[in-house]
N, C-alpha and C. Protein backbone atom coordinates (compact mmCIF):
# COMPACT_ATOMS: atom_id res chain seq x y z
N MET A 1 -11.63 -22.67 -21.95
CA MET A 1 -10.92 -23.91 -22.19
C MET A 1 -11.91 -25.08 -22.32
N PRO A 2 -11.59 -26.08 -23.15
CA PRO A 2 -12.48 -27.25 -23.28
C PRO A 2 -12.49 -28.08 -22.01
N LYS A 3 -13.57 -28.90 -21.88
CA LYS A 3 -13.69 -29.75 -20.70
C LYS A 3 -13.62 -31.22 -21.10
N GLY A 4 -13.05 -32.01 -20.21
CA GLY A 4 -12.95 -33.44 -20.45
C GLY A 4 -14.23 -34.15 -20.04
N LYS A 5 -14.22 -35.50 -20.15
CA LYS A 5 -15.39 -36.30 -19.82
C LYS A 5 -15.78 -36.17 -18.36
N ASP A 6 -14.80 -35.88 -17.51
CA ASP A 6 -15.09 -35.74 -16.08
C ASP A 6 -15.58 -34.35 -15.71
N GLY A 7 -15.72 -33.49 -16.72
CA GLY A 7 -16.23 -32.14 -16.46
C GLY A 7 -15.17 -31.14 -16.09
N ARG A 8 -13.93 -31.57 -15.91
CA ARG A 8 -12.86 -30.66 -15.54
C ARG A 8 -12.32 -29.92 -16.75
N THR A 9 -11.86 -28.70 -16.52
CA THR A 9 -11.32 -27.91 -17.61
C THR A 9 -10.01 -28.51 -18.11
N ARG A 10 -9.91 -28.64 -19.42
CA ARG A 10 -8.70 -29.15 -20.04
C ARG A 10 -8.05 -28.07 -20.90
N ALA A 11 -6.74 -27.95 -20.83
CA ALA A 11 -6.04 -27.00 -21.67
C ALA A 11 -5.91 -27.58 -23.08
N ASP A 12 -6.15 -26.75 -24.12
CA ASP A 12 -5.93 -27.22 -25.47
C ASP A 12 -4.43 -27.29 -25.72
N ALA A 13 -4.02 -27.72 -26.92
CA ALA A 13 -2.61 -27.94 -27.20
C ALA A 13 -1.79 -26.67 -27.05
N SER A 14 -2.35 -25.54 -27.49
CA SER A 14 -1.63 -24.27 -27.41
C SER A 14 -1.44 -23.84 -25.96
N GLU A 15 -2.55 -23.94 -25.16
CA GLU A 15 -2.47 -23.55 -23.76
C GLU A 15 -1.55 -24.48 -22.99
N GLN A 16 -1.61 -25.76 -23.31
CA GLN A 16 -0.75 -26.73 -22.62
C GLN A 16 0.71 -26.43 -22.88
N LYS A 17 1.02 -26.03 -24.10
CA LYS A 17 2.40 -25.69 -24.45
C LYS A 17 2.88 -24.49 -23.63
N LYS A 18 2.00 -23.50 -23.46
CA LYS A 18 2.36 -22.32 -22.66
C LYS A 18 2.57 -22.71 -21.20
N LEU A 19 1.69 -23.58 -20.68
CA LEU A 19 1.82 -24.01 -19.29
C LEU A 19 3.11 -24.79 -19.07
N ASP A 20 3.43 -25.66 -20.02
CA ASP A 20 4.67 -26.45 -19.91
C ASP A 20 5.90 -25.53 -19.92
N LYS A 21 5.86 -24.51 -20.77
CA LYS A 21 6.98 -23.57 -20.83
C LYS A 21 7.09 -22.79 -19.52
N LEU A 22 5.94 -22.38 -18.97
CA LEU A 22 5.94 -21.64 -17.71
C LEU A 22 6.53 -22.50 -16.59
N ARG A 23 6.12 -23.75 -16.53
CA ARG A 23 6.67 -24.65 -15.50
C ARG A 23 8.17 -24.80 -15.64
N GLY A 24 8.63 -24.97 -16.88
CA GLY A 24 10.06 -25.11 -17.11
C GLY A 24 10.82 -23.86 -16.72
N ASP A 25 10.29 -22.69 -17.09
CA ASP A 25 10.94 -21.42 -16.74
C ASP A 25 10.95 -21.21 -15.24
N LEU A 26 9.88 -21.62 -14.57
CA LEU A 26 9.80 -21.45 -13.12
C LEU A 26 10.81 -22.34 -12.41
N VAL A 27 10.93 -23.57 -12.85
CA VAL A 27 11.91 -24.49 -12.26
C VAL A 27 13.33 -23.95 -12.45
N ARG A 28 13.60 -23.44 -13.64
CA ARG A 28 14.94 -22.88 -13.91
C ARG A 28 15.22 -21.70 -12.99
N ALA A 29 14.21 -20.85 -12.79
CA ALA A 29 14.39 -19.68 -11.92
C ALA A 29 14.68 -20.10 -10.49
N VAL A 30 13.97 -21.11 -10.02
CA VAL A 30 14.18 -21.61 -8.66
C VAL A 30 15.60 -22.16 -8.50
N LEU A 31 16.04 -22.91 -9.49
CA LEU A 31 17.35 -23.57 -9.39
C LEU A 31 18.52 -22.61 -9.58
N THR A 32 18.30 -21.57 -10.38
CA THR A 32 19.42 -20.67 -10.72
C THR A 32 19.40 -19.36 -9.94
N GLY A 33 18.27 -19.05 -9.28
CA GLY A 33 18.17 -17.78 -8.57
C GLY A 33 17.85 -16.61 -9.47
N LEU A 34 17.49 -16.88 -10.74
CA LEU A 34 17.13 -15.81 -11.66
C LEU A 34 15.71 -15.34 -11.40
N ASP A 35 15.32 -14.28 -12.11
CA ASP A 35 13.97 -13.73 -11.95
C ASP A 35 12.93 -14.75 -12.39
N TYR A 36 11.76 -14.73 -11.72
CA TYR A 36 10.67 -15.60 -12.13
C TYR A 36 10.12 -15.17 -13.49
N PRO A 37 9.47 -16.07 -14.23
CA PRO A 37 8.89 -15.70 -15.53
C PRO A 37 7.96 -14.50 -15.41
N GLN A 38 8.05 -13.58 -16.37
CA GLN A 38 7.24 -12.36 -16.31
C GLN A 38 5.75 -12.66 -16.40
N SER A 39 5.39 -13.78 -17.00
CA SER A 39 3.97 -14.12 -17.16
C SER A 39 3.34 -14.67 -15.88
N LEU A 40 4.17 -15.02 -14.89
CA LEU A 40 3.63 -15.68 -13.70
C LEU A 40 2.77 -14.75 -12.85
N LEU A 41 3.26 -13.56 -12.58
CA LEU A 41 2.51 -12.63 -11.72
C LEU A 41 1.14 -12.28 -12.31
N PRO A 42 1.04 -11.90 -13.60
CA PRO A 42 -0.29 -11.62 -14.16
C PRO A 42 -1.24 -12.80 -14.07
N ILE A 43 -0.72 -14.02 -14.22
CA ILE A 43 -1.59 -15.21 -14.13
C ILE A 43 -2.18 -15.34 -12.74
N VAL A 44 -1.35 -15.16 -11.71
CA VAL A 44 -1.85 -15.28 -10.32
C VAL A 44 -2.83 -14.14 -10.01
N LEU A 45 -2.53 -12.95 -10.48
CA LEU A 45 -3.43 -11.81 -10.24
C LEU A 45 -4.79 -12.05 -10.88
N ASN A 46 -4.80 -12.62 -12.07
CA ASN A 46 -6.07 -12.92 -12.72
C ASN A 46 -6.87 -13.95 -11.92
N ARG A 47 -6.17 -14.92 -11.33
CA ARG A 47 -6.85 -15.90 -10.48
C ARG A 47 -7.50 -15.21 -9.28
N PHE A 48 -6.77 -14.30 -8.66
CA PHE A 48 -7.33 -13.55 -7.52
C PHE A 48 -8.61 -12.84 -7.94
N ARG A 49 -8.55 -12.15 -9.07
CA ARG A 49 -9.69 -11.35 -9.49
C ARG A 49 -10.88 -12.21 -9.91
N ASN A 50 -10.59 -13.39 -10.45
CA ASN A 50 -11.67 -14.25 -10.92
C ASN A 50 -12.43 -14.92 -9.79
N ASP A 51 -11.72 -15.40 -8.76
CA ASP A 51 -12.44 -16.12 -7.71
C ASP A 51 -12.24 -15.54 -6.31
N ARG A 52 -11.38 -14.51 -6.18
CA ARG A 52 -11.13 -13.80 -4.91
C ARG A 52 -10.65 -14.75 -3.81
N ARG A 53 -9.98 -15.83 -4.19
CA ARG A 53 -9.44 -16.78 -3.21
C ARG A 53 -7.97 -16.45 -2.97
N LEU A 54 -7.68 -15.87 -1.82
CA LEU A 54 -6.31 -15.49 -1.48
C LEU A 54 -5.67 -16.62 -0.68
N THR A 55 -5.32 -17.69 -1.37
CA THR A 55 -4.74 -18.84 -0.70
C THR A 55 -3.28 -18.58 -0.36
N PRO A 56 -2.75 -19.26 0.66
CA PRO A 56 -1.33 -19.09 1.01
C PRO A 56 -0.39 -19.37 -0.17
N ALA A 57 -0.73 -20.38 -0.99
CA ALA A 57 0.13 -20.72 -2.13
C ALA A 57 0.18 -19.57 -3.13
N ARG A 58 -0.98 -18.99 -3.43
CA ARG A 58 -1.01 -17.88 -4.39
C ARG A 58 -0.31 -16.65 -3.85
N LEU A 59 -0.58 -16.33 -2.59
CA LEU A 59 0.08 -15.18 -1.99
C LEU A 59 1.59 -15.38 -1.94
N GLY A 60 2.02 -16.62 -1.68
CA GLY A 60 3.44 -16.92 -1.68
C GLY A 60 4.06 -16.70 -3.04
N LEU A 61 3.34 -17.05 -4.11
CA LEU A 61 3.84 -16.82 -5.46
C LEU A 61 3.99 -15.33 -5.76
N VAL A 62 2.98 -14.55 -5.36
CA VAL A 62 3.04 -13.10 -5.59
C VAL A 62 4.22 -12.50 -4.84
N LYS A 63 4.34 -12.86 -3.58
CA LYS A 63 5.46 -12.36 -2.77
C LYS A 63 6.79 -12.78 -3.37
N GLY A 64 6.87 -14.04 -3.81
CA GLY A 64 8.10 -14.53 -4.41
C GLY A 64 8.45 -13.79 -5.68
N CYS A 65 7.45 -13.55 -6.53
CA CYS A 65 7.68 -12.82 -7.79
C CYS A 65 8.25 -11.43 -7.52
N ILE A 66 7.62 -10.72 -6.59
CA ILE A 66 8.03 -9.33 -6.33
C ILE A 66 9.41 -9.30 -5.66
N ASN A 67 9.60 -10.12 -4.64
CA ASN A 67 10.89 -10.12 -3.93
C ASN A 67 12.03 -10.57 -4.84
N ARG A 68 11.79 -11.61 -5.65
CA ARG A 68 12.85 -12.10 -6.53
C ARG A 68 13.21 -11.04 -7.58
N HIS A 69 12.19 -10.37 -8.12
CA HIS A 69 12.45 -9.33 -9.12
C HIS A 69 13.25 -8.19 -8.51
N ARG A 70 12.90 -7.78 -7.31
CA ARG A 70 13.62 -6.68 -6.67
C ARG A 70 15.05 -7.07 -6.35
N ARG A 71 15.22 -8.32 -5.97
CA ARG A 71 16.56 -8.80 -5.64
C ARG A 71 17.45 -8.85 -6.88
N THR A 72 16.92 -9.42 -7.96
CA THR A 72 17.74 -9.57 -9.17
C THR A 72 17.96 -8.24 -9.88
N ALA A 73 17.02 -7.31 -9.73
CA ALA A 73 17.16 -6.02 -10.38
C ALA A 73 17.95 -5.02 -9.54
N GLY A 74 18.31 -5.39 -8.33
CA GLY A 74 19.03 -4.48 -7.46
C GLY A 74 18.18 -3.30 -7.02
N SER A 75 16.88 -3.54 -6.86
CA SER A 75 15.96 -2.47 -6.49
C SER A 75 16.24 -1.97 -5.08
N LEU A 76 15.99 -0.68 -4.89
CA LEU A 76 16.13 -0.08 -3.56
C LEU A 76 14.87 -0.30 -2.71
N GLU A 77 13.79 -0.76 -3.34
CA GLU A 77 12.56 -1.02 -2.59
C GLU A 77 12.77 -2.22 -1.66
N PRO A 78 12.25 -2.15 -0.44
CA PRO A 78 12.43 -3.26 0.51
C PRO A 78 11.66 -4.49 0.07
N GLU A 79 12.12 -5.65 0.50
CA GLU A 79 11.39 -6.87 0.21
C GLU A 79 10.16 -6.97 1.11
N ILE A 80 9.18 -7.73 0.66
CA ILE A 80 7.93 -7.87 1.40
C ILE A 80 8.15 -8.72 2.63
N THR A 81 7.60 -8.28 3.73
CA THR A 81 7.76 -8.99 4.99
C THR A 81 6.71 -10.10 5.12
N MET A 82 6.87 -10.92 6.14
CA MET A 82 5.93 -12.03 6.37
C MET A 82 4.58 -11.53 6.88
N GLY A 83 4.60 -10.47 7.69
CA GLY A 83 3.36 -9.97 8.28
C GLY A 83 3.20 -8.49 8.02
N LEU A 84 2.25 -7.87 8.70
CA LEU A 84 1.93 -6.46 8.49
C LEU A 84 3.16 -5.58 8.68
N ASP A 85 3.42 -4.73 7.68
CA ASP A 85 4.56 -3.82 7.70
C ASP A 85 4.03 -2.40 7.77
N GLU A 86 4.01 -1.84 8.97
CA GLU A 86 3.48 -0.48 9.16
C GLU A 86 4.33 0.57 8.45
N ARG A 87 5.58 0.24 8.15
CA ARG A 87 6.47 1.21 7.50
C ARG A 87 6.32 1.23 5.98
N ASN A 88 5.69 0.23 5.43
CA ASN A 88 5.56 0.13 3.97
C ASN A 88 4.59 1.20 3.47
N SER A 89 5.07 2.10 2.63
CA SER A 89 4.24 3.20 2.13
C SER A 89 3.98 3.09 0.63
N GLU A 90 4.21 1.91 0.06
CA GLU A 90 3.93 1.74 -1.36
C GLU A 90 2.42 1.80 -1.60
N PRO A 91 2.00 2.45 -2.69
CA PRO A 91 0.56 2.70 -2.89
C PRO A 91 -0.29 1.44 -2.91
N GLY A 92 0.16 0.39 -3.61
CA GLY A 92 -0.62 -0.83 -3.68
C GLY A 92 -0.82 -1.44 -2.30
N TYR A 93 0.23 -1.48 -1.51
CA TYR A 93 0.17 -2.07 -0.17
C TYR A 93 -0.79 -1.28 0.72
N LEU A 94 -0.69 0.06 0.69
CA LEU A 94 -1.56 0.89 1.52
C LEU A 94 -3.02 0.75 1.08
N LEU A 95 -3.26 0.69 -0.22
CA LEU A 95 -4.64 0.57 -0.70
C LEU A 95 -5.24 -0.78 -0.31
N GLY A 96 -4.43 -1.84 -0.37
CA GLY A 96 -4.93 -3.14 0.07
C GLY A 96 -5.29 -3.13 1.55
N ARG A 97 -4.44 -2.51 2.36
CA ARG A 97 -4.73 -2.40 3.77
C ARG A 97 -6.01 -1.59 4.00
N LEU A 98 -6.15 -0.49 3.27
CA LEU A 98 -7.34 0.35 3.43
C LEU A 98 -8.59 -0.42 3.04
N PHE A 99 -8.52 -1.19 1.98
CA PHE A 99 -9.67 -1.98 1.56
C PHE A 99 -10.09 -2.95 2.66
N ALA A 100 -9.12 -3.56 3.32
CA ALA A 100 -9.42 -4.49 4.42
C ALA A 100 -10.10 -3.75 5.58
N LEU A 101 -9.65 -2.54 5.88
CA LEU A 101 -10.25 -1.77 6.97
C LEU A 101 -11.67 -1.33 6.63
N LEU A 102 -11.89 -0.96 5.37
CA LEU A 102 -13.24 -0.57 4.95
C LEU A 102 -14.19 -1.76 5.01
N GLU A 103 -13.70 -2.93 4.63
CA GLU A 103 -14.51 -4.14 4.73
C GLU A 103 -14.84 -4.45 6.18
N ASN A 104 -13.88 -4.26 7.06
CA ASN A 104 -14.11 -4.51 8.49
C ASN A 104 -15.19 -3.58 9.03
N MET A 105 -15.15 -2.30 8.63
CA MET A 105 -16.17 -1.36 9.09
C MET A 105 -17.54 -1.77 8.59
N GLN A 106 -17.62 -2.24 7.36
CA GLN A 106 -18.90 -2.72 6.84
C GLN A 106 -19.42 -3.88 7.67
N GLN A 107 -18.54 -4.79 8.03
CA GLN A 107 -18.95 -5.95 8.83
C GLN A 107 -19.37 -5.54 10.24
N LEU A 108 -18.67 -4.55 10.81
CA LEU A 108 -19.06 -4.05 12.12
C LEU A 108 -20.45 -3.44 12.09
N SER A 109 -20.78 -2.77 10.99
CA SER A 109 -22.09 -2.12 10.90
C SER A 109 -23.22 -3.13 10.80
N ARG A 110 -22.92 -4.35 10.36
CA ARG A 110 -23.95 -5.37 10.20
C ARG A 110 -24.15 -6.21 11.44
N GLY A 111 -23.11 -6.30 12.26
CA GLY A 111 -23.20 -7.14 13.44
C GLY A 111 -23.13 -8.61 13.08
N SER A 112 -23.34 -9.45 14.06
CA SER A 112 -23.23 -10.90 13.85
C SER A 112 -24.31 -11.42 12.90
N ALA A 113 -25.44 -10.75 12.82
CA ALA A 113 -26.54 -11.21 11.95
C ALA A 113 -26.15 -11.15 10.48
N GLY A 114 -25.26 -10.22 10.12
CA GLY A 114 -24.88 -10.06 8.71
C GLY A 114 -23.52 -10.65 8.39
N ARG A 115 -23.05 -11.55 9.24
CA ARG A 115 -21.70 -12.08 9.09
C ARG A 115 -21.52 -12.82 7.76
N ASP A 116 -22.57 -13.48 7.28
CA ASP A 116 -22.46 -14.30 6.07
C ASP A 116 -22.88 -13.56 4.80
N GLN A 117 -23.20 -12.29 4.93
CA GLN A 117 -23.62 -11.52 3.75
C GLN A 117 -22.41 -11.14 2.91
N PRO A 118 -22.61 -10.93 1.59
CA PRO A 118 -21.50 -10.47 0.74
C PRO A 118 -20.96 -9.13 1.23
N THR A 119 -19.68 -8.90 1.02
CA THR A 119 -19.05 -7.65 1.43
C THR A 119 -18.51 -6.90 0.21
N ILE A 120 -17.88 -5.78 0.46
CA ILE A 120 -17.29 -5.01 -0.65
C ILE A 120 -16.24 -5.85 -1.37
N ARG A 121 -15.68 -6.83 -0.70
CA ARG A 121 -14.71 -7.72 -1.36
C ARG A 121 -15.34 -8.41 -2.57
N ASP A 122 -16.59 -8.84 -2.43
CA ASP A 122 -17.26 -9.57 -3.51
C ASP A 122 -17.58 -8.68 -4.70
N ARG A 123 -17.86 -7.42 -4.47
CA ARG A 123 -18.27 -6.53 -5.56
C ARG A 123 -17.16 -5.65 -6.10
N PHE A 124 -16.21 -5.25 -5.24
CA PHE A 124 -15.30 -4.19 -5.65
C PHE A 124 -13.82 -4.53 -5.62
N MET A 125 -13.45 -5.68 -5.09
CA MET A 125 -12.01 -5.95 -4.94
C MET A 125 -11.27 -5.98 -6.27
N SER A 126 -11.84 -6.59 -7.28
CA SER A 126 -11.17 -6.68 -8.57
C SER A 126 -10.84 -5.30 -9.12
N ALA A 127 -11.85 -4.42 -9.14
CA ALA A 127 -11.64 -3.08 -9.68
C ALA A 127 -10.71 -2.27 -8.78
N ALA A 128 -10.87 -2.41 -7.47
CA ALA A 128 -10.04 -1.63 -6.54
C ALA A 128 -8.57 -1.96 -6.68
N SER A 129 -8.25 -3.21 -7.02
CA SER A 129 -6.86 -3.62 -7.13
C SER A 129 -6.20 -3.18 -8.43
N VAL A 130 -7.00 -2.75 -9.40
CA VAL A 130 -6.46 -2.34 -10.70
C VAL A 130 -6.63 -0.84 -10.93
N THR A 131 -7.85 -0.34 -10.73
CA THR A 131 -8.16 1.08 -10.98
C THR A 131 -8.74 1.71 -9.72
N PRO A 132 -7.90 1.95 -8.72
CA PRO A 132 -8.42 2.44 -7.42
C PRO A 132 -9.18 3.75 -7.50
N ARG A 133 -8.81 4.63 -8.42
CA ARG A 133 -9.50 5.92 -8.50
C ARG A 133 -10.97 5.75 -8.87
N SER A 134 -11.31 4.69 -9.56
CA SER A 134 -12.70 4.48 -9.99
C SER A 134 -13.56 3.89 -8.88
N VAL A 135 -12.94 3.45 -7.78
CA VAL A 135 -13.68 2.71 -6.76
C VAL A 135 -13.60 3.35 -5.37
N PHE A 136 -12.40 3.77 -4.96
CA PHE A 136 -12.22 4.17 -3.56
C PHE A 136 -13.02 5.40 -3.14
N PRO A 137 -13.20 6.43 -3.98
CA PRO A 137 -14.05 7.54 -3.54
C PRO A 137 -15.46 7.07 -3.16
N TYR A 138 -16.01 6.15 -3.94
CA TYR A 138 -17.33 5.61 -3.61
C TYR A 138 -17.29 4.80 -2.32
N LEU A 139 -16.25 3.98 -2.16
CA LEU A 139 -16.15 3.15 -0.96
C LEU A 139 -16.01 4.01 0.29
N LEU A 140 -15.32 5.14 0.20
CA LEU A 140 -15.17 6.02 1.35
C LEU A 140 -16.49 6.70 1.70
N ASP A 141 -17.29 7.04 0.69
CA ASP A 141 -18.63 7.57 0.96
C ASP A 141 -19.49 6.50 1.63
N LEU A 142 -19.37 5.27 1.15
CA LEU A 142 -20.11 4.16 1.74
C LEU A 142 -19.69 3.92 3.18
N GLU A 143 -18.39 4.11 3.43
CA GLU A 143 -17.86 3.89 4.78
C GLU A 143 -18.50 4.84 5.78
N ASN A 144 -18.84 6.05 5.37
CA ASN A 144 -19.45 7.01 6.29
C ASN A 144 -20.76 6.46 6.85
N ALA A 145 -21.56 5.84 5.99
CA ALA A 145 -22.82 5.25 6.44
C ALA A 145 -22.57 4.05 7.34
N HIS A 146 -21.61 3.23 6.95
CA HIS A 146 -21.28 2.07 7.79
C HIS A 146 -20.77 2.50 9.16
N GLU A 147 -19.95 3.55 9.15
CA GLU A 147 -19.37 4.03 10.40
C GLU A 147 -20.44 4.55 11.35
N ARG A 148 -21.40 5.31 10.83
CA ARG A 148 -22.47 5.84 11.69
C ARG A 148 -23.25 4.71 12.34
N LYS A 149 -23.58 3.70 11.58
CA LYS A 149 -24.35 2.58 12.13
C LYS A 149 -23.51 1.79 13.14
N ALA A 150 -22.25 1.57 12.80
CA ALA A 150 -21.38 0.80 13.70
C ALA A 150 -21.18 1.53 15.03
N LYS A 151 -21.09 2.86 14.98
CA LYS A 151 -20.88 3.63 16.21
C LYS A 151 -22.11 3.60 17.10
N ARG A 152 -23.28 3.42 16.52
CA ARG A 152 -24.48 3.30 17.33
C ARG A 152 -24.52 1.96 18.05
N ASP A 153 -24.09 0.92 17.36
CA ASP A 153 -24.22 -0.43 17.90
C ASP A 153 -23.00 -0.88 18.69
N ARG A 154 -21.82 -0.49 18.23
CA ARG A 154 -20.56 -0.94 18.87
C ARG A 154 -19.59 0.24 18.92
N PRO A 155 -19.91 1.25 19.73
CA PRO A 155 -19.16 2.52 19.70
C PRO A 155 -17.67 2.40 19.93
N GLY A 156 -17.24 1.59 20.91
CA GLY A 156 -15.81 1.51 21.21
C GLY A 156 -15.00 0.97 20.06
N ILE A 157 -15.42 -0.20 19.54
CA ILE A 157 -14.69 -0.83 18.44
C ILE A 157 -14.79 0.03 17.18
N ALA A 158 -15.95 0.62 16.92
CA ALA A 158 -16.15 1.42 15.71
C ALA A 158 -15.28 2.67 15.71
N HIS A 159 -15.15 3.33 16.85
CA HIS A 159 -14.31 4.52 16.91
C HIS A 159 -12.85 4.16 16.64
N ALA A 160 -12.39 3.05 17.19
CA ALA A 160 -11.02 2.61 16.95
C ALA A 160 -10.81 2.27 15.48
N ALA A 161 -11.79 1.60 14.87
CA ALA A 161 -11.70 1.25 13.45
C ALA A 161 -11.68 2.50 12.58
N ALA A 162 -12.47 3.50 12.94
CA ALA A 162 -12.51 4.75 12.18
C ALA A 162 -11.18 5.49 12.26
N ARG A 163 -10.55 5.45 13.44
CA ARG A 163 -9.24 6.08 13.58
C ARG A 163 -8.21 5.41 12.68
N ASP A 164 -8.25 4.10 12.62
CA ASP A 164 -7.32 3.36 11.76
C ASP A 164 -7.51 3.73 10.30
N ILE A 165 -8.75 3.84 9.89
CA ILE A 165 -9.04 4.23 8.50
C ILE A 165 -8.51 5.63 8.21
N GLY A 166 -8.78 6.56 9.14
CA GLY A 166 -8.33 7.94 8.95
C GLY A 166 -6.82 8.04 8.84
N LYS A 167 -6.11 7.30 9.69
CA LYS A 167 -4.65 7.34 9.65
C LYS A 167 -4.11 6.83 8.31
N LEU A 168 -4.73 5.81 7.79
CA LEU A 168 -4.26 5.23 6.54
C LEU A 168 -4.60 6.14 5.35
N VAL A 169 -5.79 6.72 5.36
CA VAL A 169 -6.17 7.65 4.29
C VAL A 169 -5.19 8.82 4.23
N ASP A 170 -4.75 9.30 5.38
CA ASP A 170 -3.80 10.41 5.43
C ASP A 170 -2.47 10.06 4.79
N ARG A 171 -2.14 8.78 4.74
CA ARG A 171 -0.85 8.35 4.16
C ARG A 171 -0.93 8.13 2.66
N ILE A 172 -2.14 8.12 2.12
CA ILE A 172 -2.31 7.89 0.68
C ILE A 172 -2.41 9.23 -0.03
N ALA A 173 -1.39 9.56 -0.79
CA ALA A 173 -1.34 10.86 -1.45
C ALA A 173 -2.41 11.01 -2.52
N ASP A 174 -2.69 9.92 -3.23
CA ASP A 174 -3.62 10.00 -4.36
C ASP A 174 -4.12 8.60 -4.69
N PHE A 175 -5.36 8.53 -5.16
CA PHE A 175 -5.87 7.27 -5.66
C PHE A 175 -5.51 7.20 -7.14
N GLN A 176 -4.56 6.37 -7.46
CA GLN A 176 -4.07 6.29 -8.82
C GLN A 176 -5.13 5.76 -9.77
N SER A 177 -5.03 6.19 -11.03
CA SER A 177 -5.99 5.72 -12.03
C SER A 177 -5.77 4.25 -12.36
N GLN A 178 -4.52 3.80 -12.29
CA GLN A 178 -4.23 2.39 -12.56
C GLN A 178 -2.95 1.97 -11.85
N LEU A 179 -2.96 0.77 -11.31
CA LEU A 179 -1.80 0.23 -10.63
C LEU A 179 -1.04 -0.71 -11.56
N SER A 180 0.27 -0.73 -11.44
CA SER A 180 1.10 -1.66 -12.19
C SER A 180 0.87 -3.08 -11.65
N PRO A 181 1.24 -4.11 -12.41
CA PRO A 181 1.08 -5.48 -11.89
C PRO A 181 1.75 -5.69 -10.54
N GLU A 182 2.94 -5.11 -10.34
CA GLU A 182 3.62 -5.27 -9.05
C GLU A 182 2.81 -4.64 -7.93
N GLN A 183 2.28 -3.45 -8.16
CA GLN A 183 1.47 -2.78 -7.14
C GLN A 183 0.14 -3.50 -6.93
N GLN A 184 -0.39 -4.12 -7.97
CA GLN A 184 -1.60 -4.93 -7.80
C GLN A 184 -1.31 -6.11 -6.87
N GLY A 185 -0.14 -6.72 -7.06
CA GLY A 185 0.25 -7.80 -6.16
C GLY A 185 0.38 -7.32 -4.73
N LEU A 186 0.94 -6.13 -4.56
CA LEU A 186 1.09 -5.57 -3.22
C LEU A 186 -0.27 -5.24 -2.61
N PHE A 187 -1.25 -4.90 -3.44
CA PHE A 187 -2.61 -4.65 -2.95
C PHE A 187 -3.13 -5.89 -2.23
N PHE A 188 -3.03 -7.04 -2.87
CA PHE A 188 -3.56 -8.27 -2.28
C PHE A 188 -2.76 -8.67 -1.04
N ILE A 189 -1.46 -8.43 -1.06
CA ILE A 189 -0.65 -8.76 0.12
C ILE A 189 -0.99 -7.82 1.27
N GLY A 190 -1.13 -6.53 0.98
CA GLY A 190 -1.51 -5.58 2.03
C GLY A 190 -2.87 -5.90 2.62
N TYR A 191 -3.81 -6.28 1.77
CA TYR A 191 -5.14 -6.69 2.24
C TYR A 191 -5.04 -7.89 3.16
N HIS A 192 -4.28 -8.88 2.75
CA HIS A 192 -4.11 -10.09 3.54
C HIS A 192 -3.41 -9.79 4.87
N HIS A 193 -2.35 -9.00 4.83
CA HIS A 193 -1.61 -8.67 6.05
C HIS A 193 -2.50 -7.94 7.05
N GLN A 194 -3.31 -6.99 6.56
CA GLN A 194 -4.18 -6.22 7.46
C GLN A 194 -5.22 -7.11 8.11
N ARG A 195 -5.81 -8.01 7.35
CA ARG A 195 -6.80 -8.93 7.90
C ARG A 195 -6.17 -9.88 8.92
N GLN A 196 -4.99 -10.41 8.59
CA GLN A 196 -4.33 -11.33 9.51
C GLN A 196 -3.93 -10.63 10.80
N SER A 197 -3.54 -9.37 10.71
CA SER A 197 -3.18 -8.60 11.90
C SER A 197 -4.39 -8.42 12.80
N ARG A 198 -5.56 -8.19 12.20
CA ARG A 198 -6.78 -8.03 13.00
C ARG A 198 -7.16 -9.34 13.68
N PHE A 199 -7.06 -10.44 12.95
CA PHE A 199 -7.39 -11.74 13.54
C PHE A 199 -6.42 -12.09 14.66
N ALA A 200 -5.13 -11.75 14.47
CA ALA A 200 -4.14 -12.02 15.51
C ALA A 200 -4.45 -11.20 16.75
N GLY A 201 -4.89 -9.95 16.54
CA GLY A 201 -5.25 -9.10 17.68
C GLY A 201 -6.43 -9.66 18.44
N ARG A 202 -7.42 -10.20 17.71
CA ARG A 202 -8.58 -10.80 18.38
C ARG A 202 -8.16 -12.00 19.21
N ALA A 203 -7.26 -12.82 18.64
CA ALA A 203 -6.81 -14.02 19.36
C ALA A 203 -6.07 -13.64 20.63
N ALA A 204 -5.26 -12.58 20.54
CA ALA A 204 -4.52 -12.13 21.72
C ALA A 204 -5.46 -11.61 22.79
N ASP A 205 -6.50 -10.86 22.35
CA ASP A 205 -7.47 -10.34 23.32
C ASP A 205 -8.22 -11.49 24.01
N SER A 206 -8.56 -12.51 23.23
CA SER A 206 -9.27 -13.65 23.81
C SER A 206 -8.40 -14.37 24.83
N ALA A 207 -7.12 -14.49 24.50
CA ALA A 207 -6.20 -15.16 25.42
C ALA A 207 -6.02 -14.35 26.70
N ASP A 208 -5.96 -13.01 26.56
CA ASP A 208 -5.80 -12.17 27.74
C ASP A 208 -7.01 -12.22 28.65
N ASN A 209 -8.20 -12.38 28.03
CA ASN A 209 -9.44 -12.37 28.80
C ASN A 209 -9.84 -13.75 29.32
N ALA A 210 -9.14 -14.77 28.86
CA ALA A 210 -9.48 -16.12 29.30
C ALA A 210 -9.04 -16.33 30.74
N PRO A 211 -9.82 -17.10 31.52
CA PRO A 211 -9.42 -17.33 32.91
C PRO A 211 -8.15 -18.16 33.00
N ASP A 212 -7.29 -17.82 33.92
CA ASP A 212 -6.04 -18.56 34.13
C ASP A 212 -6.35 -19.78 34.99
N LYS A 213 -6.23 -20.96 34.34
CA LYS A 213 -6.60 -22.18 35.05
C LYS A 213 -5.71 -22.41 36.28
N ASN A 214 -4.50 -21.89 36.23
CA ASN A 214 -3.60 -22.07 37.35
C ASN A 214 -4.01 -21.26 38.58
N MET A 215 -4.89 -20.23 38.32
CA MET A 215 -5.32 -19.38 39.42
C MET A 215 -6.69 -19.78 39.95
N GLU A 216 -7.32 -20.77 39.26
CA GLU A 216 -8.67 -21.17 39.70
C GLU A 216 -8.59 -22.08 40.91
N ASP A 217 -9.64 -22.04 41.73
CA ASP A 217 -9.72 -22.91 42.90
C ASP A 217 -9.94 -24.36 42.47
């Protein structure tokens, strides 16, 4: 897209017309309860793949697109929950969760010194969300090396993380050659839910281990 004098990207007349139509269709869908525009989900997915920024607004759009479509189509598939859904067995959701667990194992293997280093998210998330069969076998081989190192340095946490990975792999029947746009959206939501669940667990552990000020002298 062309850029204006301020250096910001500007939509040309054709792109602006498409954006205006999308906004109008989205407003109509919100007001009438109809399905969201079909072009909306691919646009958000492309944003995820381009900059890997899983913002609450973008994730909300993906969730809204999928839930609204299922509702209007009378789908038997359950709507997406707010947080981690252990019962959800849809391939995209499980693969996103698995990707988050593999990234966690990589981070455990590096320790605090490697906290700011790039992770598999930076190199492989785009491909993993579209063509999992081309990426996940390699990531699982990589995980074996990460797991060995993590178990040497942080055995308790690493063993628990490895069990979680094993349980999830057992639930995935096959690494599909390509995911549909809806399943790609579920990949990012599953990834986000798994990460948020881990952070929530850490916060709970910290709270449990904190001294009770009411019990102090």
